[in-house]
Amino acid sequence: MALKREIQGVVLQKAGDKATILVERRVMHPRYHKFVKRFKKYLVHDEKNETRAGDTVVAIECRPLSARKNFRLKAVLAKGVE
């Protein structure tokens, strides 16, 4: 069985069973040898509707649930401020 990717990010918005999370990674710039931030947004399936905007969550890779949803919610690490 292949290893499932886990991503950690902050919930930007919530609509139905979908949550959009922003994942930040730090990479070294090839020329300037300085760490820079790179961002990517993922759609996560939140079946129990336990997330809100601002929460820090962990999502795990799964089978495709829709055209752009390939992750499902694993855990809520921290609640956001609202």
Protein backbone atom coordinates (compact mmCIF):
# COMPACT_ATOMS: atom_id res chain seq x y z
CA MET A 1 0.00 0.00 0.00
CA ALA A 2 1.31 3.42 -0.94
CA LEU A 3 1.95 6.00 1.76
CA LYS A 4 -0.73 8.66 2.07
CA ARG A 5 0.40 12.28 2.06
CA GLU A 6 -0.54 14.44 5.01
CA ILE A 7 -0.79 18.20 4.68
CA GLN A 8 -1.17 20.83 7.38
CA GLY A 9 -2.67 24.23 6.78
CA VAL A 10 -5.09 26.96 7.75
CA VAL A 11 -8.76 26.93 6.71
CA LEU A 12 -9.53 29.93 4.49
CA GLN A 13 -13.20 29.32 3.79
CA LYS A 14 -15.88 26.74 4.33
CA ALA A 15 -18.81 25.83 2.06
CA GLY A 16 -20.90 22.73 2.69
CA ASP A 17 -18.65 19.70 3.14
CA LYS A 18 -15.72 21.54 1.50
CA ALA A 19 -12.98 23.42 3.27
CA THR A 20 -10.30 25.36 1.42
CA ILE A 21 -6.98 25.18 3.23
CA LEU A 22 -3.80 27.14 2.59
CA VAL A 23 -0.59 25.11 2.92
CA GLU A 24 2.69 26.98 3.39
CA ARG A 25 6.08 25.43 2.65
CA ARG A 26 9.54 26.94 2.95
CA VAL A 27 12.04 26.38 0.14
CA MET A 28 15.53 27.69 -0.39
CA HIS A 29 15.90 30.17 -3.24
CA PRO A 30 18.34 28.75 -5.81
CA ARG A 31 20.28 31.95 -6.33
CA TYR A 32 19.99 33.90 -3.10
CA HIS A 33 20.15 30.89 -0.72
CA LYS A 34 17.43 32.37 1.42
CA PHE A 35 14.30 30.59 2.60
CA VAL A 36 11.15 31.84 0.89
CA LYS A 37 7.53 30.88 1.48
CA ARG A 38 5.48 29.11 -1.15
CA PHE A 39 1.70 28.67 -0.81
CA LYS A 40 -0.82 26.31 -2.32
CA LYS A 41 -4.56 25.88 -1.75
CA TYR A 42 -6.23 22.48 -1.43
CA LEU A 43 -9.87 21.45 -1.15
CA VAL A 44 -10.52 19.15 1.81
CA HIS A 45 -13.58 17.01 2.49
CA ASP A 46 -15.00 17.81 5.93
CA GLU A 47 -17.86 15.37 6.38
CA LYS A 48 -18.74 16.23 10.00
CA ASN A 49 -18.47 20.01 9.46
CA GLU A 50 -16.09 20.47 12.39
CA THR A 51 -13.90 23.21 10.87
CA ARG A 52 -14.32 26.97 10.66
CA ALA A 53 -12.29 29.68 8.96
CA GLY A 54 -9.00 30.24 10.76
CA ASP A 55 -8.60 26.69 12.14
CA THR A 56 -5.32 24.82 11.72
CA VAL A 57 -6.01 21.34 10.35
CA VAL A 58 -4.32 18.17 9.12
CA ALA A 59 -5.67 16.44 6.01
CA ILE A 60 -4.81 13.04 4.58
CA GLU A 61 -4.78 11.97 0.94
CA CYS A 62 -7.62 9.75 -0.27
CA ARG A 63 -9.33 8.68 -3.46
CA PRO A 64 -10.72 11.50 -5.63
CA LEU A 65 -13.99 12.69 -4.09
CA SER A 66 -14.68 15.26 -6.81
CA ALA A 67 -12.80 16.96 -9.63
CA ARG A 68 -10.48 18.86 -7.23
CA LYS A 69 -10.99 17.16 -3.84
CA ASN A 70 -8.34 14.51 -3.07
CA PHE A 71 -7.93 15.04 0.67
CA ARG A 72 -10.13 14.41 3.69
CA LEU A 73 -9.93 15.95 7.13
CA LYS A 74 -7.88 14.01 9.66
CA ALA A 75 -7.73 16.31 12.70
CA VAL A 76 -8.26 19.87 13.87
CA LEU A 77 -5.06 21.01 15.61
CA ALA A 78 -6.07 24.49 16.76
CA LYS A 79 -9.20 26.57 16.66
CA GLY A 80 -9.00 29.93 14.91
CA VAL A 81 -9.98 33.29 16.31
CA GLU A 82 -13.35 34.57 15.11
